[in-house]
Each structure stands twice: as structure tokens, then as C-alpha cells.
C-alpha atoms as a PDB file:
ATOM      1  CA  MET A   1      36.947  10.200 -28.200  1.00  0.00           C
ATOM      2  CA  GLY A   2      39.192  13.183 -28.845  1.00  0.00           C
ATOM      3  CA  LEU A   3      39.255  16.514 -27.089  1.00  0.00           C
ATOM      4  CA  PHE A   4      36.594  17.929 -29.409  1.00  0.00           C
ATOM      5  CA  GLY A   5      34.315  15.004 -28.598  1.00  0.00           C
ATOM      6  CA  LYS A   6      34.903  15.444 -24.864  1.00  0.00           C
ATOM      7  CA  LEU A   7      34.060  19.136 -25.067  1.00  0.00           C
ATOM      8  CA  PHE A   8      31.085  18.978 -27.414  1.00  0.00           C
ATOM      9  CA  GLY A   9      29.979  15.365 -27.370  1.00  0.00           C
ATOM     10  CA  ASN A  10      26.891  13.892 -25.768  1.00  0.00           C
ATOM     11  CA  ARG A  11      27.402  14.482 -22.074  1.00  0.00           C
ATOM     12  CA  SER A  12      24.767  14.506 -19.404  1.00  0.00           C
ATOM     13  CA  ASP A  13      24.440  17.304 -16.894  1.00  0.00           C
ATOM     14  CA  ARG A  14      25.737  14.914 -14.245  1.00  0.00           C
ATOM     15  CA  ASP A  15      29.082  14.618 -16.081  1.00  0.00           C
ATOM     16  CA  MET A  16      29.558  18.393 -15.850  1.00  0.00           C
ATOM     17  CA  LEU A  17      29.169  18.510 -12.043  1.00  0.00           C
ATOM     18  CA  THR A  18      31.962  18.607  -9.506  1.00  0.00           C
ATOM     19  CA  ASP A  19      32.286  15.727  -7.038  1.00  0.00           C
ATOM     20  CA  ASP A  20      30.621  17.809  -4.300  1.00  0.00           C
ATOM     21  CA  GLU A  21      27.704  18.703  -6.563  1.00  0.00           C
ATOM     22  CA  LYS A  22      27.290  15.051  -7.551  1.00  0.00           C
ATOM     23  CA  GLU A  23      27.263  14.008  -3.899  1.00  0.00           C
ATOM     24  CA  LEU A  24      24.672  16.679  -3.026  1.00  0.00           C
ATOM     25  CA  ARG A  25      22.456  15.728  -5.963  1.00  0.00           C
ATOM     26  CA  GLU A  26      22.647  12.041  -5.019  1.00  0.00           C
ATOM     27  CA  TYR A  27      21.711  12.914  -1.424  1.00  0.00           C
ATOM     28  CA  GLU A  28      18.747  15.005  -2.577  1.00  0.00           C
ATOM     29  CA  GLU A  29      17.523  12.323  -4.977  1.00  0.00           C
ATOM     30  CA  ASN A  30      18.069   9.217  -2.849  1.00  0.00           C
ATOM     31  CA  VAL A  31      18.325  10.079   0.847  1.00  0.00           C
ATOM     32  CA  TYR A  32      16.546  13.314   1.767  1.00  0.00           C
ATOM     33  CA  ARG A  33      12.813  13.117   2.271  1.00  0.00           C
ATOM     34  CA  ALA A  34      10.704  16.062   3.463  1.00  0.00           C
ATOM     35  CA  GLU A  35       8.870  13.753   5.851  1.00  0.00           C
ATOM     36  CA  SER A  36      12.176  12.998   7.595  1.00  0.00           C
ATOM     37  CA  GLY A  37      11.587  16.088   9.752  1.00  0.00           C
ATOM     38  CA  VAL A  38      14.462  18.108   8.344  1.00  0.00           C
ATOM     39  CA  THR A  39      12.521  21.146   7.179  1.00  0.00           C
ATOM     40  CA  ASP A  40      12.493  24.813   8.142  1.00  0.00           C
ATOM     41  CA  SER A  41       9.059  24.473   9.699  1.00  0.00           C
ATOM     42  CA  CYS A  42      10.340  21.876  12.166  1.00  0.00           C
ATOM     43  CA  HIS A  43      13.911  22.583  13.207  1.00  0.00           C
ATOM     44  CA  ALA A  44      14.917  26.009  14.457  1.00  0.00           C
ATOM     45  CA  GLU A  45      17.731  27.377  16.625  1.00  0.00           C
ATOM     46  CA  PHE A  46      18.332  30.764  18.272  1.00  0.00           C
ATOM     47  CA  ILE A  47      21.435  31.963  20.147  1.00  0.00           C
ATOM     48  CA  ILE A  48      20.740  34.347  23.023  1.00  0.00           C
ATOM     49  CA  SER A  49      22.890  37.483  23.194  1.00  0.00           C
ATOM     50  CA  GLY A  50      20.952  39.331  25.909  1.00  0.00           C
ATOM     51  CA  VAL A  51      18.387  38.606  28.631  1.00  0.00           C
ATOM     52  CA  ALA A  52      15.920  40.926  30.390  1.00  0.00           C
ATOM     53  CA  PRO A  53      13.767  39.210  33.033  1.00  0.00           C
ATOM     54  CA  THR A  54      10.433  40.916  33.702  1.00  0.00           C
ATOM     55  CA  THR A  55       7.555  40.076  36.019  1.00  0.00           C
ATOM     56  CA  ASN A  56       5.185  37.097  36.074  1.00  0.00           C
ATOM     57  CA  ASN A  57       7.620  34.509  34.627  1.00  0.00           C
ATOM     58  CA  ILE A  58       8.067  36.483  31.414  1.00  0.00           C
ATOM     59  CA  THR A  59      11.550  36.991  29.952  1.00  0.00           C
ATOM     60  CA  ILE A  60      12.690  39.033  26.970  1.00  0.00           C
ATOM     61  CA  VAL A  61      15.683  37.591  25.129  1.00  0.00           C
ATOM     62  CA  ASN A  62      17.415  38.992  22.088  1.00  0.00           C
ATOM     63  CA  GLY A  63      19.765  37.262  19.713  1.00  0.00           C
ATOM     64  CA  SER A  64      19.985  35.659  16.289  1.00  0.00           C
ATOM     65  CA  VAL A  65      18.141  32.876  14.535  1.00  0.00           C
ATOM     66  CA  THR A  66      20.872  30.566  13.243  1.00  0.00           C
ATOM     67  CA  GLU A  67      18.634  27.883  11.700  1.00  0.00           C
ATOM     68  CA  GLY A  68      15.037  27.477  10.626  1.00  0.00           C
ATOM     69  CA  THR A  69      11.987  29.564  11.491  1.00  0.00           C
ATOM     70  CA  PHE A  70      10.338  30.385  14.798  1.00  0.00           C
ATOM     71  CA  LYS A  71       6.648  31.326  15.039  1.00  0.00           C
ATOM     72  CA  SER A  72       4.651  32.943  17.810  1.00  0.00           C
ATOM     73  CA  ASN A  73       3.198  30.352  20.222  1.00  0.00           C
ATOM     74  CA  ASP A  74       5.895  27.754  19.444  1.00  0.00           C
ATOM     75  CA  ASN A  75       6.871  25.439  22.256  1.00  0.00           C
ATOM     76  CA  ILE A  76      10.597  25.821  22.846  1.00  0.00           C
ATOM     77  CA  LYS A  77      13.390  24.466  24.985  1.00  0.00           C
ATOM     78  CA  ILE A  78      16.234  26.564  26.298  1.00  0.00           C
ATOM     79  CA  ILE A  79      19.520  24.691  26.508  1.00  0.00           C
ATOM     80  CA  LEU A  80      21.686  26.205  29.219  1.00  0.00           C
ATOM     81  CA  ARG A  81      25.479  26.163  29.119  1.00  0.00           C
ATOM     82  CA  ASN A  82      25.559  23.443  31.805  1.00  0.00           C
ATOM     83  CA  GLY A  83      23.426  21.166  29.587  1.00  0.00           C
ATOM     84  CA  GLN A  84      20.211  21.628  31.554  1.00  0.00           C
ATOM     85  CA  GLU A  85      17.056  22.128  29.477  1.00  0.00           C
ATOM     86  CA  ILE A  86      14.119  24.380  30.300  1.00  0.00           C
ATOM     87  CA  THR A  87      10.824  24.139  28.430  1.00  0.00           C
ATOM     88  CA  ALA A  88       8.989  27.357  27.676  1.00  0.00           C
ATOM     89  CA  LYS A  89       6.437  29.001  25.394  1.00  0.00           C
ATOM     90  CA  LEU A  90       7.353  31.623  22.785  1.00  0.00           C
ATOM     91  CA  ILE A  91       4.710  34.302  23.335  1.00  0.00           C
ATOM     92  CA  SER A  92       5.711  36.868  20.721  1.00  0.00           C
ATOM     93  CA  ILE A  93       8.481  37.867  18.331  1.00  0.00           C
ATOM     94  CA  SER A  94       9.890  41.268  17.483  1.00  0.00           C
ATOM     95  CA  VAL A  95      12.077  41.778  14.399  1.00  0.00           C
ATOM     96  CA  HIS A  96      13.549  45.246  13.715  1.00  0.00           C
ATOM     97  CA  LEU A  97      11.497  46.667  16.620  1.00  0.00           C
ATOM     98  CA  ARG A  98       8.226  45.517  15.028  1.00  0.00           C
ATOM     99  CA  LEU A  99       5.984  42.665  16.106  1.00  0.00           C
ATOM    100  CA  SER A 100       6.240  39.740  13.739  1.00  0.00           C
ATOM    101  CA  GLU A 101       4.613  36.333  13.456  1.00  0.00           C
ATOM    102  CA  THR A 102       7.922  34.704  12.481  1.00  0.00           C
ATOM    103  CA  ALA A 103      11.683  35.051  12.737  1.00  0.00           C
ATOM    104  CA  THR A 104      13.770  33.206  10.175  1.00  0.00           C
ATOM    105  CA  GLU A 105      17.374  32.160   9.727  1.00  0.00           C
ATOM    106  CA  GLY A 106      19.788  35.080   9.684  1.00  0.00           C
ATOM    107  CA  GLN A 107      17.487  37.544  11.442  1.00  0.00           C
ATOM    108  CA  SER A 108      18.167  39.281  14.726  1.00  0.00           C
ATOM    109  CA  ALA A 109      15.090  39.191  16.923  1.00  0.00           C
ATOM    110  CA  GLU A 110      13.640  39.610  20.397  1.00  0.00           C
ATOM    111  CA  PHE A 111      11.560  36.823  21.881  1.00  0.00           C
ATOM    112  CA  LEU A 112       9.065  37.232  24.694  1.00  0.00           C
ATOM    113  CA  ILE A 113       9.028  33.861  26.439  1.00  0.00           C
ATOM    114  CA  ASP A 114       6.990  32.407  29.292  1.00  0.00           C
ATOM    115  CA  THR A 115       9.103  30.351  31.711  1.00  0.00           C
ATOM    116  CA  PRO A 116       9.333  30.121  35.503  1.00  0.00           C
ATOM    117  CA  ASP A 117      13.149  29.760  35.332  1.00  0.00           C
ATOM    118  CA  THR A 118      13.987  33.273  34.153  1.00  0.00           C
ATOM    119  CA  LYS A 119      17.027  33.690  36.425  1.00  0.00           C
ATOM    120  CA  LEU A 120      18.808  30.670  34.897  1.00  0.00           C
ATOM    121  CA  ILE A 121      18.807  32.020  31.335  1.00  0.00           C
ATOM    122  CA  LYS A 122      22.068  33.700  30.309  1.00  0.00           C
ATOM    123  CA  ARG A 123      23.903  34.977  27.248  1.00  0.00           C
ATOM    124  CA  ASN A 124      25.004  32.248  24.756  1.00  0.00           C
ATOM    125  CA  ASP A 125      22.278  29.817  25.843  1.00  0.00           C
ATOM    126  CA  ILE A 126      20.462  28.228  22.903  1.00  0.00           C
ATOM    127  CA  ILE A 127      16.754  28.124  22.163  1.00  0.00           C
ATOM    128  CA  LYS A 128      15.428  25.276  20.035  1.00  0.00           C
ATOM    129  CA  LYS A 129      11.923  24.674  18.756  1.00  0.00           C
ATOM    130  CA  ILE A 130      10.204  21.619  20.217  1.00  0.00           C
ATOM    131  CA  ILE A 131       9.010  19.525  17.312  1.00  0.00           C
ATOM    132  CA  PRO A 132       5.455  18.196  17.830  1.00  0.00           C
ATOM    133  CA  GLU A 133       5.194  14.440  17.443  1.00  0.00           C
END
């Protein structure tokens, strides 16, 4: 087949993809399954940039959602810098100074969380959603 045939001949869409695109398409078609638990509704991560302890085991943290989506009333775990984990409840979410039901990837937000270990939580700790089994 000459150059003309290579340019205008019968070629599938797969032949026009780069190696990375082919690998991603193969992964999506053959490996990834929504039921594998890798969905926005399951996995979520938040990096704390500020902490304000209040009364009655309530703490306000602000930071950024780096993956997934958090919803009010989610069960969460806070991973401290020393590797210790604290379980907590996400009471409410504020995005752009307004109450919100969710905070999604890329958004800056404030979380109101219920945990007895408020004094242990510091900047750069990570909050992850606990996935129900």
C-alpha cells in the first residue's frame, strides 16, 4: 500500500490513536468496571489547609478536594501525618461561603466534622471518604 493508501485507505479509528490512547481505550474496554469501586461516588480525598476547633467535638477544616465527591453526612477518616487514622462524620459542607450538599474535585471547601480528636488534626492531614461495604 502506497502513501495515498495509508492516508486515505480503510483504517479503523484504533489505527489513528497514539499508543497512550490505545492503552487507555483497552483499559476502559477490558479492565475497568464501574462495580470495581473506582467511581466518584465512592472514592474521595481532601487535603486540609486550615483547622479551627470549636466546642462539643466539632471541628471546622478548610482545604481542597483533590479527588472524587464528598456529601454531607459521609463517614470519613482523617489520616494524620504520623499515619494514625481518626474516624469522623462530615456534618456539613460550605463551598464559596454557601452551604452545599456536595464538594467535588477541584473545589475549595470548608467541612464541619464531628470527632472527639479535634486537637490532633493539623494542616496537610488528609480526609478520605469511608466506602460503605
